Amino acid sequence: MNYQPRHPLQSRQEIGRRLRATREALGAKQGEMAEMVGVTKQAWSQYEAGNRRPDLTPMLAFSDRFNISLDWIYKGNPAQLPYTLTNQIAEKLAAMPD
């Protein structure tokens, strides 16, 4: 993946796209992911849609459970992503409309 530094607080839509691509690369459904990180399915759906900025507590749970860095979630820096997920996430992002 090609990392291009941006403002540290990226838009909710960009964060949502990364959450969706990462969830899909992990093979989980929205409801399953919501349960794993301790939020409602509606909250997770709002995170992915970019309607709501993800709260830190569920993102820490997401990070800890799947070894996904907060830098990836909030800033889009893939440097610390697990190698096995990097290409899968890139493919999911490439397939998504902007």
C-alpha atoms as a PDB file:
ATOM      1  CA  MET A   1       0.000   0.000   0.000  1.00  0.00           C
ATOM      2  CA  ASN A   2       1.144   3.513  -0.716  1.00  0.00           C
ATOM      3  CA  TYR A   3       1.009   5.629   2.448  1.00  0.00           C
ATOM      4  CA  GLN A   4       0.679   9.362   1.958  1.00  0.00           C
ATOM      5  CA  PRO A   5       0.730  11.391   5.186  1.00  0.00           C
ATOM      6  CA  ARG A   6      -2.255  13.660   5.659  1.00  0.00           C
ATOM      7  CA  HIS A   7      -3.747  15.684   8.414  1.00  0.00           C
ATOM      8  CA  PRO A   8      -3.735  13.476  11.536  1.00  0.00           C
ATOM      9  CA  LEU A   9      -7.497  13.685  11.934  1.00  0.00           C
ATOM     10  CA  GLN A  10      -8.733  12.265   8.677  1.00  0.00           C
ATOM     11  CA  SER A  11     -12.339  12.478   7.658  1.00  0.00           C
ATOM     12  CA  ARG A  12     -14.924  10.127   9.094  1.00  0.00           C
ATOM     13  CA  GLN A  13     -15.522   8.793   5.571  1.00  0.00           C
ATOM     14  CA  GLU A  14     -11.876   7.778   5.118  1.00  0.00           C
ATOM     15  CA  ILE A  15     -11.818   6.109   8.530  1.00  0.00           C
ATOM     16  CA  GLY A  16     -15.077   4.335   7.695  1.00  0.00           C
ATOM     17  CA  ARG A  17     -13.691   3.006   4.418  1.00  0.00           C
ATOM     18  CA  ARG A  18     -10.668   1.576   6.231  1.00  0.00           C
ATOM     19  CA  LEU A  19     -12.854  -0.031   8.893  1.00  0.00           C
ATOM     20  CA  ARG A  20     -15.087  -1.614   6.262  1.00  0.00           C
ATOM     21  CA  ALA A  21     -12.151  -2.877   4.163  1.00  0.00           C
ATOM     22  CA  THR A  22     -10.421  -4.263   7.251  1.00  0.00           C
ATOM     23  CA  ARG A  23     -13.580  -5.964   8.511  1.00  0.00           C
ATOM     24  CA  GLU A  24     -14.199  -7.519   5.099  1.00  0.00           C
ATOM     25  CA  ALA A  25     -10.569  -8.666   4.856  1.00  0.00           C
ATOM     26  CA  LEU A  26     -11.019 -10.327   8.243  1.00  0.00           C
ATOM     27  CA  GLY A  27     -14.145 -12.073   6.950  1.00  0.00           C
ATOM     28  CA  ALA A  28     -16.518 -10.673   9.568  1.00  0.00           C
ATOM     29  CA  LYS A  29     -20.020  -9.261   9.227  1.00  0.00           C
ATOM     30  CA  GLN A  30     -20.932  -5.902  10.741  1.00  0.00           C
ATOM     31  CA  GLY A  31     -22.923  -7.460  13.576  1.00  0.00           C
ATOM     32  CA  GLU A  32     -20.119  -9.875  14.423  1.00  0.00           C
ATOM     33  CA  MET A  33     -17.525  -7.097  14.476  1.00  0.00           C
ATOM     34  CA  ALA A  34     -19.766  -4.862  16.576  1.00  0.00           C
ATOM     35  CA  GLU A  35     -20.189  -7.611  19.141  1.00  0.00           C
ATOM     36  CA  MET A  36     -16.451  -8.356  19.218  1.00  0.00           C
ATOM     37  CA  VAL A  37     -15.547  -4.731  19.982  1.00  0.00           C
ATOM     38  CA  GLY A  38     -18.467  -3.978  22.303  1.00  0.00           C
ATOM     39  CA  VAL A  39     -20.685  -1.637  20.296  1.00  0.00           C
ATOM     40  CA  THR A  40     -24.112  -1.991  18.733  1.00  0.00           C
ATOM     41  CA  LYS A  41     -24.451  -3.048  15.116  1.00  0.00           C
ATOM     42  CA  GLN A  42     -25.935   0.387  14.442  1.00  0.00           C
ATOM     43  CA  ALA A  43     -22.860   2.137  15.901  1.00  0.00           C
ATOM     44  CA  TRP A  44     -20.487   0.007  13.808  1.00  0.00           C
ATOM     45  CA  SER A  45     -22.573   0.677  10.712  1.00  0.00           C
ATOM     46  CA  GLN A  46     -22.376   4.418  11.409  1.00  0.00           C
ATOM     47  CA  TYR A  47     -18.587   4.176  11.798  1.00  0.00           C
ATOM     48  CA  GLU A  48     -18.251   2.440   8.428  1.00  0.00           C
ATOM     49  CA  ALA A  49     -20.645   4.847   6.706  1.00  0.00           C
ATOM     50  CA  GLY A  50     -18.661   7.815   7.964  1.00  0.00           C
ATOM     51  CA  ASN A  51     -21.640   9.187   9.876  1.00  0.00           C
ATOM     52  CA  ARG A  52     -19.828   8.941  13.199  1.00  0.00           C
ATOM     53  CA  ARG A  53     -16.173   9.098  14.220  1.00  0.00           C
ATOM     54  CA  PRO A  54     -15.227   5.836  15.959  1.00  0.00           C
ATOM     55  CA  ASP A  55     -14.877   6.065  19.717  1.00  0.00           C
ATOM     56  CA  LEU A  56     -11.482   5.149  21.148  1.00  0.00           C
ATOM     57  CA  THR A  57     -12.621   2.325  23.449  1.00  0.00           C
ATOM     58  CA  PRO A  58     -14.059   0.042  20.728  1.00  0.00           C
ATOM     59  CA  MET A  59     -11.141   0.881  18.429  1.00  0.00           C
ATOM     60  CA  LEU A  60      -8.715  -0.199  21.158  1.00  0.00           C
ATOM     61  CA  ALA A  61     -10.654  -3.476  21.408  1.00  0.00           C
ATOM     62  CA  PHE A  62     -10.482  -3.826  17.609  1.00  0.00           C
ATOM     63  CA  SER A  63      -6.767  -3.058  17.663  1.00  0.00           C
ATOM     64  CA  ASP A  64      -6.020  -5.538  20.447  1.00  0.00           C
ATOM     65  CA  ARG A  65      -8.149  -8.354  19.070  1.00  0.00           C
ATOM     66  CA  PHE A  66      -6.861  -8.225  15.485  1.00  0.00           C
ATOM     67  CA  ASN A  67      -3.440  -6.590  15.895  1.00  0.00           C
ATOM     68  CA  ILE A  68      -4.581  -3.592  13.842  1.00  0.00           C
ATOM     69  CA  SER A  69      -2.791  -0.361  14.749  1.00  0.00           C
ATOM     70  CA  LEU A  70      -4.668   2.780  15.694  1.00  0.00           C
ATOM     71  CA  ASP A  71      -2.429   4.574  13.174  1.00  0.00           C
ATOM     72  CA  TRP A  72      -4.123   2.525  10.458  1.00  0.00           C
ATOM     73  CA  ILE A  73      -7.616   3.188  11.747  1.00  0.00           C
ATOM     74  CA  TYR A  74      -7.344   6.905  12.386  1.00  0.00           C
ATOM     75  CA  LYS A  75      -4.513   8.041  10.089  1.00  0.00           C
ATOM     76  CA  GLY A  76      -4.387   5.466   7.311  1.00  0.00           C
ATOM     77  CA  ASN A  77      -0.781   4.440   7.986  1.00  0.00           C
ATOM     78  CA  PRO A  78      -0.457   0.766   6.991  1.00  0.00           C
ATOM     79  CA  ALA A  79       3.117   0.388   8.310  1.00  0.00           C
ATOM     80  CA  GLN A  80       2.102  -1.720  11.315  1.00  0.00           C
ATOM     81  CA  LEU A  81      -0.624  -3.792   9.688  1.00  0.00           C
ATOM     82  CA  PRO A  82      -0.134  -7.543   9.813  1.00  0.00           C
ATOM     83  CA  TYR A  83       1.510  -8.579   6.556  1.00  0.00           C
ATOM     84  CA  THR A  84      -1.167 -11.152   5.827  1.00  0.00           C
ATOM     85  CA  LEU A  85      -3.883  -8.489   5.833  1.00  0.00           C
ATOM     86  CA  THR A  86      -2.135  -5.724   3.908  1.00  0.00           C
ATOM     87  CA  ASN A  87      -2.888  -7.021   0.404  1.00  0.00           C
ATOM     88  CA  GLN A  88      -6.396  -8.154   1.292  1.00  0.00           C
ATOM     89  CA  ILE A  89      -7.252  -4.707   2.682  1.00  0.00           C
ATOM     90  CA  ALA A  90      -5.714  -2.985  -0.353  1.00  0.00           C
ATOM     91  CA  GLU A  91      -7.880  -5.116  -2.664  1.00  0.00           C
ATOM     92  CA  LYS A  92     -11.029  -4.311  -0.677  1.00  0.00           C
ATOM     93  CA  LEU A  93     -10.248  -0.562  -0.739  1.00  0.00           C
ATOM     94  CA  ALA A  94      -9.554  -0.625  -4.479  1.00  0.00           C
ATOM     95  CA  ALA A  95     -12.933  -2.253  -5.112  1.00  0.00           C
ATOM     96  CA  MET A  96     -14.850   0.367  -3.113  1.00  0.00           C
ATOM     97  CA  PRO A  97     -16.311   3.438  -4.773  1.00  0.00           C
ATOM     98  CA  ASP A  98     -14.808   6.730  -3.611  1.00  0.00           C
END
